[in-house]
Amino acid sequence: MIVVMSSIRVSAGDSDALADQYRSRSRIAEDQPGCLGIEILRDTDAPDHFVVYSRWRNRDAYDAYRRSSAYRLAHARIAEIPGGIRIDPATRDVSVFEVLS
């Protein structure tokens, strides 16, 4: 099993609107083969900082999702936020971890 942690910080726009999008998300990724669950986290001390924590059966399942139309569809809703959201590219980070225990 692997865990993927994607960290972003909103540099412009409404971080509350992004939080609302995450709360009402379609859960498309959870329906993908190999997805074991996803949690969206928001930093209580820095509400413009979000972490997506996802668990996958293996790296192949995660990579297949990243290449899929489901991935593009799952992320398209962010573009629908009125006024838009800008992510600070310097704070964007994706890390993949092997689960050892």
C-alpha atoms as a PDB file:
ATOM      1  CA  MET A   1       0.000   0.000   0.000  1.00  0.00           C
ATOM      2  CA  ILE A   2       1.066   3.580  -0.626  1.00  0.00           C
ATOM      3  CA  VAL A   3      -0.034   6.931   0.767  1.00  0.00           C
ATOM      4  CA  VAL A   4       0.034  10.022  -1.420  1.00  0.00           C
ATOM      5  CA  MET A   5       0.094  13.419   0.251  1.00  0.00           C
ATOM      6  CA  SER A   6      -0.580  16.462  -1.929  1.00  0.00           C
ATOM      7  CA  SER A   7      -0.048  19.800  -0.241  1.00  0.00           C
ATOM      8  CA  ILE A   8      -1.181  23.169  -1.643  1.00  0.00           C
ATOM      9  CA  ARG A   9      -1.501  26.717  -0.389  1.00  0.00           C
ATOM     10  CA  VAL A  10      -4.022  29.135  -1.894  1.00  0.00           C
ATOM     11  CA  SER A  11      -2.184  32.335  -2.826  1.00  0.00           C
ATOM     12  CA  ALA A  12      -5.154  34.218  -4.252  1.00  0.00           C
ATOM     13  CA  GLY A  13      -8.887  33.655  -4.211  1.00  0.00           C
ATOM     14  CA  ASP A  14     -11.283  32.330  -1.662  1.00  0.00           C
ATOM     15  CA  SER A  15      -9.868  29.444   0.373  1.00  0.00           C
ATOM     16  CA  ASP A  16     -13.292  29.006   2.020  1.00  0.00           C
ATOM     17  CA  ALA A  17     -14.796  28.399  -1.430  1.00  0.00           C
ATOM     18  CA  LEU A  18     -12.135  25.776  -2.098  1.00  0.00           C
ATOM     19  CA  ALA A  19     -12.938  24.148   1.253  1.00  0.00           C
ATOM     20  CA  ASP A  20     -16.620  24.079   0.262  1.00  0.00           C
ATOM     21  CA  GLN A  21     -15.688  22.420  -3.054  1.00  0.00           C
ATOM     22  CA  TYR A  22     -13.711  19.777  -1.189  1.00  0.00           C
ATOM     23  CA  ARG A  23     -16.602  19.166   1.236  1.00  0.00           C
ATOM     24  CA  SER A  24     -19.059  18.622  -1.614  1.00  0.00           C
ATOM     25  CA  ARG A  25     -16.673  16.774  -3.920  1.00  0.00           C
ATOM     26  CA  SER A  26     -17.978  14.025  -6.157  1.00  0.00           C
ATOM     27  CA  ARG A  27     -15.681  11.327  -4.728  1.00  0.00           C
ATOM     28  CA  ILE A  28     -14.725  10.184  -8.208  1.00  0.00           C
ATOM     29  CA  ALA A  29     -11.285   9.031  -7.085  1.00  0.00           C
ATOM     30  CA  GLU A  30     -12.714   6.693  -4.450  1.00  0.00           C
ATOM     31  CA  ASP A  31     -14.467   4.789  -7.244  1.00  0.00           C
ATOM     32  CA  GLN A  32     -11.199   4.140  -9.080  1.00  0.00           C
ATOM     33  CA  PRO A  33      -9.557   0.711  -8.961  1.00  0.00           C
ATOM     34  CA  GLY A  34      -7.036   0.527  -6.145  1.00  0.00           C
ATOM     35  CA  CYS A  35      -8.187   3.598  -4.224  1.00  0.00           C
ATOM     36  CA  LEU A  36      -8.517   2.758  -0.536  1.00  0.00           C
ATOM     37  CA  GLY A  37      -9.712   6.165   0.635  1.00  0.00           C
ATOM     38  CA  ILE A  38      -9.118   9.893   0.533  1.00  0.00           C
ATOM     39  CA  GLU A  39      -9.173  12.564   3.193  1.00  0.00           C
ATOM     40  CA  ILE A  40      -8.939  16.303   2.586  1.00  0.00           C
ATOM     41  CA  LEU A  41      -7.270  18.218   5.410  1.00  0.00           C
ATOM     42  CA  ARG A  42      -7.243  21.961   6.105  1.00  0.00           C
ATOM     43  CA  ASP A  43      -4.687  23.528   8.419  1.00  0.00           C
ATOM     44  CA  THR A  44      -6.512  25.051  11.394  1.00  0.00           C
ATOM     45  CA  ASP A  45      -3.760  27.642  11.901  1.00  0.00           C
ATOM     46  CA  ALA A  46      -3.330  28.498   8.206  1.00  0.00           C
ATOM     47  CA  PRO A  47      -6.731  27.996   6.506  1.00  0.00           C
ATOM     48  CA  ASP A  48      -5.268  28.603   3.052  1.00  0.00           C
ATOM     49  CA  HIS A  49      -3.176  25.392   3.383  1.00  0.00           C
ATOM     50  CA  PHE A  50      -4.729  22.076   2.293  1.00  0.00           C
ATOM     51  CA  VAL A  51      -3.449  18.512   2.210  1.00  0.00           C
ATOM     52  CA  VAL A  52      -5.033  15.684   0.238  1.00  0.00           C
ATOM     53  CA  TYR A  53      -4.199  12.370   1.920  1.00  0.00           C
ATOM     54  CA  SER A  54      -4.984   9.336  -0.219  1.00  0.00           C
ATOM     55  CA  ARG A  55      -4.346   5.633   0.197  1.00  0.00           C
ATOM     56  CA  TRP A  56      -3.803   3.328  -2.780  1.00  0.00           C
ATOM     57  CA  ARG A  57      -3.304  -0.403  -3.160  1.00  0.00           C
ATOM     58  CA  ASN A  58      -0.057   0.258  -5.071  1.00  0.00           C
ATOM     59  CA  ARG A  59       1.777   2.820  -7.189  1.00  0.00           C
ATOM     60  CA  ASP A  60       0.409   1.381 -10.433  1.00  0.00           C
ATOM     61  CA  ALA A  61      -3.189   2.038  -9.303  1.00  0.00           C
ATOM     62  CA  TYR A  62      -2.337   5.618  -8.348  1.00  0.00           C
ATOM     63  CA  ASP A  63      -0.473   6.280 -11.608  1.00  0.00           C
ATOM     64  CA  ALA A  64      -3.381   4.846 -13.632  1.00  0.00           C
ATOM     65  CA  TYR A  65      -5.768   7.224 -11.848  1.00  0.00           C
ATOM     66  CA  ARG A  66      -3.474  10.209 -12.525  1.00  0.00           C
ATOM     67  CA  ARG A  67      -3.560   9.385 -16.264  1.00  0.00           C
ATOM     68  CA  SER A  68      -7.324   8.873 -16.367  1.00  0.00           C
ATOM     69  CA  SER A  69     -10.185  11.093 -17.451  1.00  0.00           C
ATOM     70  CA  ALA A  70     -11.589  10.591 -13.936  1.00  0.00           C
ATOM     71  CA  TYR A  71      -8.595  12.526 -12.547  1.00  0.00           C
ATOM     72  CA  ARG A  72      -9.216  15.433 -14.912  1.00  0.00           C
ATOM     73  CA  LEU A  73     -12.923  15.407 -14.092  1.00  0.00           C
ATOM     74  CA  ALA A  74     -12.293  15.301 -10.336  1.00  0.00           C
ATOM     75  CA  HIS A  75     -10.075  18.383 -10.555  1.00  0.00           C
ATOM     76  CA  ALA A  76     -12.193  20.344 -13.040  1.00  0.00           C
ATOM     77  CA  ARG A  77     -14.617  21.584 -10.360  1.00  0.00           C
ATOM     78  CA  ILE A  78     -11.937  23.791  -8.824  1.00  0.00           C
ATOM     79  CA  ALA A  79     -12.080  25.920 -11.985  1.00  0.00           C
ATOM     80  CA  GLU A  80     -15.785  26.526 -11.269  1.00  0.00           C
ATOM     81  CA  ILE A  81     -15.093  28.509  -8.080  1.00  0.00           C
ATOM     82  CA  PRO A  82     -16.312  32.087  -8.623  1.00  0.00           C
ATOM     83  CA  GLY A  83     -13.351  34.432  -8.895  1.00  0.00           C
ATOM     84  CA  GLY A  84     -10.988  31.520  -9.262  1.00  0.00           C
ATOM     85  CA  ILE A  85      -8.326  30.054  -7.043  1.00  0.00           C
ATOM     86  CA  ARG A  86      -4.606  30.490  -7.511  1.00  0.00           C
ATOM     87  CA  ILE A  87      -2.287  27.922  -5.992  1.00  0.00           C
ATOM     88  CA  ASP A  88       1.167  29.101  -4.960  1.00  0.00           C
ATOM     89  CA  PRO A  89       3.410  26.896  -7.149  1.00  0.00           C
ATOM     90  CA  ALA A  90       6.249  27.124  -4.628  1.00  0.00           C
ATOM     91  CA  THR A  91       4.082  25.402  -2.014  1.00  0.00           C
ATOM     92  CA  ARG A  92       2.693  22.645  -4.229  1.00  0.00           C
ATOM     93  CA  ASP A  93       4.124  19.312  -3.192  1.00  0.00           C
ATOM     94  CA  VAL A  94       3.184  15.703  -3.926  1.00  0.00           C
ATOM     95  CA  SER A  95       4.880  12.948  -1.971  1.00  0.00           C
ATOM     96  CA  VAL A  96       4.360   9.205  -2.282  1.00  0.00           C
ATOM     97  CA  PHE A  97       5.067   6.971   0.702  1.00  0.00           C
ATOM     98  CA  GLU A  98       5.277   3.219   1.018  1.00  0.00           C
ATOM     99  CA  VAL A  99       3.297   2.047   4.038  1.00  0.00           C
ATOM    100  CA  LEU A 100       5.555  -0.123   6.168  1.00  0.00           C
ATOM    101  CA  SER A 101       3.264  -0.848   9.110  1.00  0.00           C
END
